[in-house]
Amino acid sequence: MSEEDFSLLVEDDNIQEELYEHFNFKVDKGQQMLRIDKFLMGRIENVTRNKLQNAIRAASVLVNDAVVKSNYRVKPLDEIRIVLSTPPREVEIIPQEIPLEIMYEDEEIIVVNKAAGMVVHPGYNNYDGTLINALCYHLSKEYLNEIQIPYLVHRIDKDTSGVLLIAKTEFAQSKLALQFFNHSIERKYIALAWGNFVEDTGTVEGHIGRSLKDRRVMSVFPNGEYGKSAITHYKVLERFGYVSTIECQLETGRTHQIRAHMRHIGHALFNDATYGGDRALKGTTFTKYKQFVDNCFNIIPRQALHAKSLGFIHPRTNEYIFFDSDLPDDMTQVIKKWREYSIHQNLENLQD
């Protein structure tokens, strides 16, 4: 089965962490001179003129590798590149009063520290109780109860905690989408992974796409035969013998990228049920060890992954801003338990 055939079976096959699309056009030889927004309206489906104009203002439209203004008129053989933000599938969004940890807010953006267990956007089986429902309620107070839908520029998984950036205007969404496309957004994650890494640092490269056997899982295709390119850099922060605390920095933002890449190299994330990390992958067969691992699973009943920091250029001021978050209590507790267990094991080995 080809990837195109398989994608027809999967409604959300193109969902990814980063919400943008990239288009390339070469103008025909016989094309009459036409304003670029009108030209693109005829080439891109379901796009509004306002969205295109925001993309042009955000420098997301290039003609012959140069930024143009909205009054530019296309000429024969022009080469046009455009990056457009792509909103999630439209669903009815009901404002809901749900507590949020807002790290920063101004007229253009909101930065939140998302709790584990919260879905980012309404969708199948999660029609309410999401981050977007909560933000709609928050924004309705600012806009005197008029419903305002925030603009997503990226996502993190339901059971991943951490820093998330949301645009409040379509202009901000366009400028941030371009930064994600250019890989200029700085994102770092902290994870607890099974195993003792051979190297202190490394890079995982391999296309990521839906598994051809299980649509719930993302697979790595190192030869690039399916999926989209994905690059994850990692650094070992602390070693506990059977597990390691690592920092991951993303160049790309594919669905489940860190989780899929770590499993691919034999280091599934701790208690990641989707990718096989919810059982003791390393360690002894002693009953006490199994009980210790199960106790850790009970403390963090999710994959041990936290989006710790995010740095980007502010869409309006053009200043670089950076946000960093503390590890949530469940990860802090589990890392502490593994640290103590590792020290205890080392002491026993010295006594032997």
Protein backbone atom coordinates (compact mmCIF):
# COMPACT_ATOMS: atom_id res chain seq x y z
CA MET A 1 0.00 0.00 0.00
CA SER A 2 1.39 3.40 -0.96
CA GLU A 3 1.50 6.31 1.49
CA GLU A 4 -1.12 8.12 -0.61
CA ASP A 5 -3.51 5.15 -0.42
CA PHE A 6 -2.90 4.72 3.28
CA SER A 7 -3.54 8.39 4.03
CA LEU A 8 -7.04 8.02 2.63
CA LEU A 9 -7.78 5.65 5.51
CA VAL A 10 -6.55 8.09 8.13
CA GLU A 11 -8.48 11.34 8.63
CA ASP A 12 -5.72 13.04 10.58
CA ASP A 13 -2.75 11.66 8.66
CA ASN A 14 -1.28 15.10 7.99
CA ILE A 15 -1.45 16.34 11.58
CA GLN A 16 1.93 17.48 12.82
CA GLU A 17 3.29 19.53 15.67
CA GLU A 18 3.98 22.52 13.44
CA LEU A 19 0.93 23.98 11.72
CA TYR A 20 2.00 25.37 8.36
CA GLU A 21 2.00 24.55 4.65
CA HIS A 22 4.65 25.39 2.08
CA PHE A 23 3.75 26.15 -1.56
CA ASN A 24 5.92 26.66 -4.65
CA PHE A 25 4.61 28.16 -7.89
CA LYS A 26 6.25 29.04 -11.20
CA VAL A 27 4.26 31.60 -13.18
CA ASP A 28 3.29 30.56 -16.70
CA LYS A 29 4.90 32.26 -19.70
CA GLY A 30 1.60 33.72 -20.81
CA GLN A 31 0.54 35.08 -17.40
CA GLN A 32 -0.68 38.68 -17.46
CA MET A 33 0.61 40.96 -14.72
CA LEU A 34 -1.62 40.53 -11.67
CA ARG A 35 -1.45 41.53 -8.01
CA ILE A 36 0.19 38.73 -6.11
CA ASP A 37 -2.65 38.27 -3.61
CA LYS A 38 -5.16 37.88 -6.46
CA PHE A 39 -2.81 35.48 -8.25
CA LEU A 40 -2.43 33.30 -5.15
CA MET A 41 -6.18 33.35 -4.49
CA GLY A 42 -6.56 31.45 -7.75
CA ARG A 43 -3.83 28.95 -6.92
CA ILE A 44 -4.49 28.00 -3.26
CA GLU A 45 -7.76 26.39 -2.21
CA ASN A 46 -9.84 27.74 0.68
CA VAL A 47 -7.60 30.70 1.42
CA THR A 48 -8.91 34.19 2.17
CA ARG A 49 -7.44 37.38 0.78
CA ASN A 50 -6.95 38.64 4.35
CA LYS A 51 -4.90 35.54 5.20
CA LEU A 52 -2.73 36.05 2.13
CA GLN A 53 -2.21 39.72 2.92
CA ASN A 54 -1.17 38.83 6.46
CA ALA A 55 1.29 36.31 5.04
CA ILE A 56 2.72 38.97 2.73
CA ARG A 57 3.04 41.47 5.62
CA ALA A 58 4.77 38.75 7.64
CA ALA A 59 7.40 38.28 4.90
CA SER A 60 6.10 34.76 4.27
CA VAL A 61 5.81 35.30 0.50
CA LEU A 62 8.95 35.36 -1.63
CA VAL A 63 9.20 36.04 -5.35
CA ASN A 64 12.50 35.01 -6.91
CA ASP A 65 13.84 34.66 -3.34
CA ALA A 66 12.97 38.26 -2.43
CA VAL A 67 10.28 39.51 -0.03
CA VAL A 68 7.52 41.43 -1.82
CA LYS A 69 4.69 43.77 -0.84
CA SER A 70 1.01 43.16 -1.47
CA ASN A 71 0.98 45.49 -4.50
CA TYR A 72 3.62 43.42 -6.32
CA ARG A 73 2.41 42.23 -9.73
CA VAL A 74 3.50 38.79 -10.81
CA LYS A 75 5.29 38.44 -14.12
CA PRO A 76 5.83 35.46 -16.43
CA LEU A 77 8.31 32.90 -15.06
CA ASP A 78 8.34 34.39 -11.54
CA GLU A 79 9.10 31.75 -8.91
CA ILE A 80 6.88 32.16 -5.85
CA ARG A 81 7.33 30.56 -2.43
CA ILE A 82 4.77 30.95 0.33
CA VAL A 83 4.41 29.65 3.88
CA LEU A 84 0.86 29.65 5.23
CA SER A 85 -0.33 28.76 8.71
CA THR A 86 -2.84 25.90 8.64
CA PRO A 87 -5.50 25.83 11.36
CA PRO A 88 -6.69 22.48 12.73
CA ARG A 89 -9.91 20.98 11.39
CA GLU A 90 -12.79 23.33 12.16
CA VAL A 91 -15.06 22.25 15.02
CA GLU A 92 -17.45 24.17 17.23
CA ILE A 93 -15.47 25.62 20.12
CA ILE A 94 -17.25 26.40 23.38
CA PRO A 95 -15.50 28.72 25.87
CA GLN A 96 -14.92 26.89 29.15
CA GLU A 97 -13.59 28.18 32.46
CA ILE A 98 -10.54 25.94 32.94
CA PRO A 99 -7.48 26.97 34.99
CA LEU A 100 -4.42 27.85 32.91
CA GLU A 101 -0.84 28.71 33.80
CA ILE A 102 -0.23 31.73 31.56
CA MET A 103 3.47 32.57 31.46
CA TYR A 104 3.15 35.64 29.23
CA GLU A 105 0.53 37.56 27.27
CA ASP A 106 0.37 40.67 25.11
CA GLU A 107 -1.73 41.87 22.17
CA GLU A 108 -0.21 39.34 19.76
CA ILE A 109 0.70 36.16 21.65
CA ILE A 110 0.03 33.98 24.68
CA VAL A 111 2.57 31.58 26.19
CA VAL A 112 1.20 28.88 28.49
CA ASN A 113 2.69 26.08 30.54
CA LYS A 114 0.34 23.25 29.57
CA ALA A 115 -0.44 20.58 32.14
CA ALA A 116 -0.11 16.91 31.24
CA GLY A 117 -3.45 15.36 30.34
CA MET A 118 -4.83 18.42 28.55
CA VAL A 119 -5.57 18.12 24.83
CA VAL A 120 -4.52 21.20 22.84
CA HIS A 121 -7.37 21.42 20.30
CA PRO A 122 -10.85 19.83 20.16
CA GLY A 123 -11.06 16.76 17.96
CA TYR A 124 -12.27 13.18 17.84
CA ASN A 125 -13.25 12.00 21.36
CA ASN A 126 -12.01 15.32 22.82
CA TYR A 127 -14.62 17.92 21.96
CA ASP A 128 -14.20 20.01 25.11
CA GLY A 129 -11.92 20.50 28.07
CA THR A 130 -9.05 21.45 25.75
CA LEU A 131 -6.52 24.24 25.90
CA ILE A 132 -8.36 26.07 23.11
CA ASN A 133 -11.65 25.89 25.03
CA ALA A 134 -9.88 27.40 28.04
CA LEU A 135 -8.20 30.13 25.97
CA CYS A 136 -11.51 31.06 24.32
CA TYR A 137 -12.97 31.67 27.75
CA HIS A 138 -9.91 33.65 28.79
CA LEU A 139 -10.03 35.81 25.65
CA SER A 140 -13.82 36.34 25.86
CA LYS A 141 -13.23 38.36 29.04
CA GLU A 142 -10.72 40.55 27.23
CA TYR A 143 -13.11 41.09 24.30
CA LEU A 144 -16.21 41.72 26.44
CA ASN A 145 -17.66 38.20 26.04
CA GLU A 146 -17.27 38.18 22.26
CA ILE A 147 -15.91 34.74 21.36
CA GLN A 148 -12.33 34.97 20.10
CA ILE A 149 -10.64 31.86 18.73
CA PRO A 150 -6.86 31.81 19.29
CA TYR A 151 -4.54 30.77 16.47
CA LEU A 152 -2.41 27.68 16.95
CA VAL A 153 1.11 27.61 15.52
CA HIS A 154 2.25 24.29 17.04
CA ARG A 155 1.08 21.59 19.44
CA ILE A 156 2.34 19.18 22.05
CA ASP A 157 0.83 15.81 22.90
CA LYS A 158 -1.98 15.45 25.42
CA ASP A 159 0.24 13.73 27.98
CA THR A 160 3.27 15.93 27.37
CA SER A 161 3.54 18.94 29.65
CA GLY A 162 5.24 22.22 29.01
CA VAL A 163 5.59 25.51 27.14
CA LEU A 164 3.23 26.23 24.27
CA LEU A 165 3.01 29.34 22.09
CA ILE A 166 -0.33 30.60 20.74
CA ALA A 167 -1.02 33.55 18.45
CA LYS A 168 -3.85 35.98 19.20
CA THR A 169 -3.91 37.50 15.70
CA GLU A 170 -3.67 36.11 12.20
CA PHE A 171 -0.68 38.36 11.55
CA ALA A 172 1.20 36.87 14.51
CA GLN A 173 0.25 33.38 13.38
CA SER A 174 1.71 34.07 9.91
CA LYS A 175 5.02 35.40 11.27
CA LEU A 176 5.41 32.56 13.76
CA ALA A 177 4.56 29.93 11.14
CA LEU A 178 7.44 31.27 9.03
CA GLN A 179 9.82 30.86 11.99
CA PHE A 180 8.74 27.26 12.46
CA PHE A 181 9.23 26.65 8.74
CA ASN A 182 12.73 28.16 8.87
CA HIS A 183 13.59 26.07 11.97
CA SER A 184 14.54 29.25 13.83
CA ILE A 185 12.32 28.49 16.84
CA GLU A 186 14.42 27.19 19.74
CA ARG A 187 12.68 24.31 21.53
CA LYS A 188 14.11 22.09 24.24
CA TYR A 189 12.47 19.14 25.94
CA ILE A 190 13.46 17.12 29.00
CA ALA A 191 12.71 13.40 28.99
CA LEU A 192 13.43 10.29 31.01
CA ALA A 193 14.36 7.47 28.63
CA TRP A 194 15.11 3.79 29.07
CA GLY A 195 18.71 2.66 28.83
CA ASN A 196 22.22 4.00 29.22
CA PHE A 197 23.17 5.98 26.10
CA VAL A 198 26.51 5.10 24.54
CA GLU A 199 27.33 8.71 23.64
CA ASP A 200 26.72 11.86 25.67
CA THR A 201 25.26 13.63 22.63
CA GLY A 202 23.77 12.55 19.35
CA THR A 203 21.38 13.30 16.51
CA VAL A 204 18.54 11.14 15.25
CA GLU A 205 17.53 11.65 11.62
CA GLY A 206 14.76 9.72 9.93
CA HIS A 207 11.47 10.46 8.22
CA ILE A 208 8.43 10.12 10.49
CA GLY A 209 5.02 9.02 9.26
CA ARG A 210 2.01 6.99 10.31
CA SER A 211 2.80 3.33 10.84
CA LEU A 212 1.46 1.22 8.00
CA LYS A 213 0.38 -1.36 10.59
CA ASP A 214 -1.07 0.79 13.39
CA ARG A 215 -2.42 4.29 12.62
CA ARG A 216 -2.08 5.33 16.28
CA VAL A 217 1.68 5.06 16.12
CA MET A 218 4.28 7.05 14.23
CA SER A 219 7.10 5.07 12.64
CA VAL A 220 10.58 6.11 11.58
CA PHE A 221 11.51 5.51 7.93
CA PRO A 222 15.30 6.07 7.81
CA ASN A 223 15.44 5.72 4.03
CA GLY A 224 12.82 8.43 3.53
CA GLU A 225 10.34 6.19 1.72
CA TYR A 226 7.38 7.54 3.74
CA GLY A 227 6.60 10.42 6.05
CA LYS A 228 8.37 13.75 6.44
CA SER A 229 11.94 14.55 7.37
CA ALA A 230 12.62 14.84 11.10
CA ILE A 231 15.73 15.73 13.09
CA THR A 232 16.17 15.45 16.87
CA HIS A 233 19.35 16.38 18.75
CA TYR A 234 19.81 14.90 22.23
CA LYS A 235 22.17 15.35 25.17
CA VAL A 236 22.43 13.11 28.23
CA LEU A 237 21.97 15.15 31.40
CA GLU A 238 22.13 12.40 34.01
CA ARG A 239 22.66 8.64 33.95
CA PHE A 240 20.97 6.24 36.35
CA GLY A 241 22.16 2.97 34.82
CA TYR A 242 18.83 1.61 33.62
CA VAL A 243 17.35 5.00 32.61
CA SER A 244 18.76 8.38 31.61
CA THR A 245 17.56 11.96 31.79
CA ILE A 246 18.04 13.63 28.42
CA GLU A 247 17.54 17.00 26.79
CA CYS A 248 16.13 17.00 23.26
CA GLN A 249 16.29 19.90 20.83
CA LEU A 250 14.04 19.81 17.78
CA GLU A 251 14.88 21.02 14.30
CA THR A 252 11.53 19.82 12.96
CA GLY A 253 8.17 19.29 14.62
CA ARG A 254 6.53 16.04 13.60
CA THR A 255 3.82 14.23 15.50
CA HIS A 256 5.38 12.21 18.36
CA GLN A 257 8.83 13.10 17.01
CA ILE A 258 10.87 12.62 20.19
CA ARG A 259 8.88 9.57 21.24
CA ALA A 260 9.25 7.86 17.85
CA HIS A 261 12.91 8.79 17.40
CA MET A 262 13.90 7.59 20.88
CA ARG A 263 12.16 4.26 20.41
CA HIS A 264 13.85 3.94 17.01
CA ILE A 265 17.30 4.10 18.62
CA GLY A 266 16.33 1.74 21.44
CA HIS A 267 15.58 4.30 24.16
CA ALA A 268 11.79 4.47 24.50
CA LEU A 269 10.58 7.15 26.90
CA PHE A 270 9.78 6.05 30.43
CA ASN A 271 6.14 4.92 30.76
CA ASP A 272 5.32 5.73 27.14
CA ALA A 273 2.58 3.15 26.58
CA THR A 274 2.24 3.95 22.86
CA TYR A 275 5.90 3.22 22.15
CA GLY A 276 6.58 0.34 24.52
CA GLY A 277 8.08 2.26 27.42
CA ASP A 278 5.43 1.18 29.93
CA ARG A 279 7.34 -1.92 31.04
CA ALA A 280 10.80 -2.51 32.46
CA LEU A 281 12.97 -2.47 29.34
CA LYS A 282 16.25 -2.47 31.28
CA GLY A 283 17.29 -3.74 34.68
CA THR A 284 17.12 -6.84 36.81
CA THR A 285 14.50 -9.54 37.26
CA PHE A 286 14.36 -9.04 41.04
CA THR A 287 10.88 -8.57 42.47
CA LYS A 288 11.94 -5.48 44.41
CA TYR A 289 13.20 -3.86 41.21
CA LYS A 290 9.92 -4.56 39.43
CA GLN A 291 8.04 -3.04 42.37
CA PHE A 292 10.28 0.02 42.23
CA VAL A 293 9.57 0.50 38.51
CA ASP A 294 5.82 0.02 39.05
CA ASN A 295 5.89 2.62 41.83
CA CYS A 296 7.56 5.05 39.45
CA PHE A 297 4.91 4.31 36.81
CA ASN A 298 2.22 5.14 39.39
CA ILE A 299 3.87 8.49 40.12
CA ILE A 300 4.01 9.46 36.44
CA PRO A 301 1.17 7.68 34.60
CA ARG A 302 2.24 9.14 31.24
CA GLN A 303 5.31 9.44 29.05
CA ALA A 304 8.06 11.28 30.94
CA LEU A 305 8.36 14.21 28.53
CA HIS A 306 8.23 17.95 29.22
CA ALA A 307 8.53 20.86 26.77
CA LYS A 308 10.86 22.90 28.94
CA SER A 309 11.75 25.98 26.94
CA LEU A 310 10.84 28.00 23.87
CA GLY A 311 12.65 30.89 22.20
CA PHE A 312 11.48 32.92 19.19
CA ILE A 313 11.33 36.36 17.57
CA HIS A 314 8.31 38.34 18.72
CA PRO A 315 6.02 38.84 15.68
CA ARG A 316 5.44 42.53 16.36
CA THR A 317 8.54 43.86 18.14
CA ASN A 318 11.04 41.59 16.30
CA GLU A 319 12.85 41.07 19.62
CA TYR A 320 14.07 37.61 20.68
CA ILE A 321 12.18 36.33 23.73
CA PHE A 322 12.72 33.13 25.67
CA PHE A 323 10.55 31.19 28.11
CA ASP A 324 11.66 28.43 30.46
CA SER A 325 9.56 26.25 32.74
CA ASP A 326 10.23 24.06 35.75
CA LEU A 327 9.81 20.31 35.50
CA PRO A 328 6.38 19.21 36.76
CA ASP A 329 6.17 17.42 40.10
CA ASP A 330 5.63 13.95 38.64
CA MET A 331 8.84 14.09 36.59
CA THR A 332 10.79 15.67 39.43
CA GLN A 333 9.72 12.93 41.82
CA VAL A 334 10.51 10.09 39.44
CA ILE A 335 13.93 11.47 38.53
CA LYS A 336 14.70 11.87 42.24
CA LYS A 337 13.68 8.25 42.92
CA TRP A 338 15.91 6.97 40.11
CA ARG A 339 18.79 9.10 41.35
CA GLU A 340 18.45 7.63 44.84
CA TYR A 341 18.08 4.11 43.45
CA SER A 342 21.21 4.55 41.33
CA ILE A 343 23.24 5.80 44.32
CA HIS A 344 22.02 2.87 46.41
CA GLN A 345 22.98 0.39 43.68
CA ASN A 346 26.45 1.91 43.33
CA LEU A 347 27.01 1.67 47.08
CA GLU A 348 25.99 -2.00 47.06
CA ASN A 349 28.38 -2.70 44.17
CA LEU A 350 31.24 -1.04 46.08
CA GLN A 351 30.52 -3.16 49.15
CA ASP A 352 30.56 -6.31 47.04
